[in-house]
Amino acid sequence: MNTSDRLELTRLAKSDRNVRRLIKKHKGYEERLRLLAKKIGFTSEDQQEITLLKRKKLQSKDELARILYQSRQPLREEYSEALQSAVGM
């Protein structure tokens, strides 16, 4: 996600509890992965946890991206309508 995406998610989080929850979960997964990465010598349990955390982190990111896309959908529709009007369609 780029800077404008992060800014938009921050704006959405102010009014959407689900966005706040997903951001918090994503940051938690990221932090736990960071701590595990500092560990010397992974056990098989550590490796399983890393795999699970990466999967959950990606799922939360995908969900945030979906919410972000949906929040921008009305803008896309307005732009499309304005463009069609401008070219006389």
Foldseek 3Di string as FASTA:
>chain_A
DDPVLVVVLVVVVVPDVVSVVLVVLLVVLVVVLVVLVPDPDDDVVSVVSNVVSVVSNVVSVVVSVVVSVVVCVVVVVVVVVVVCVVVVD
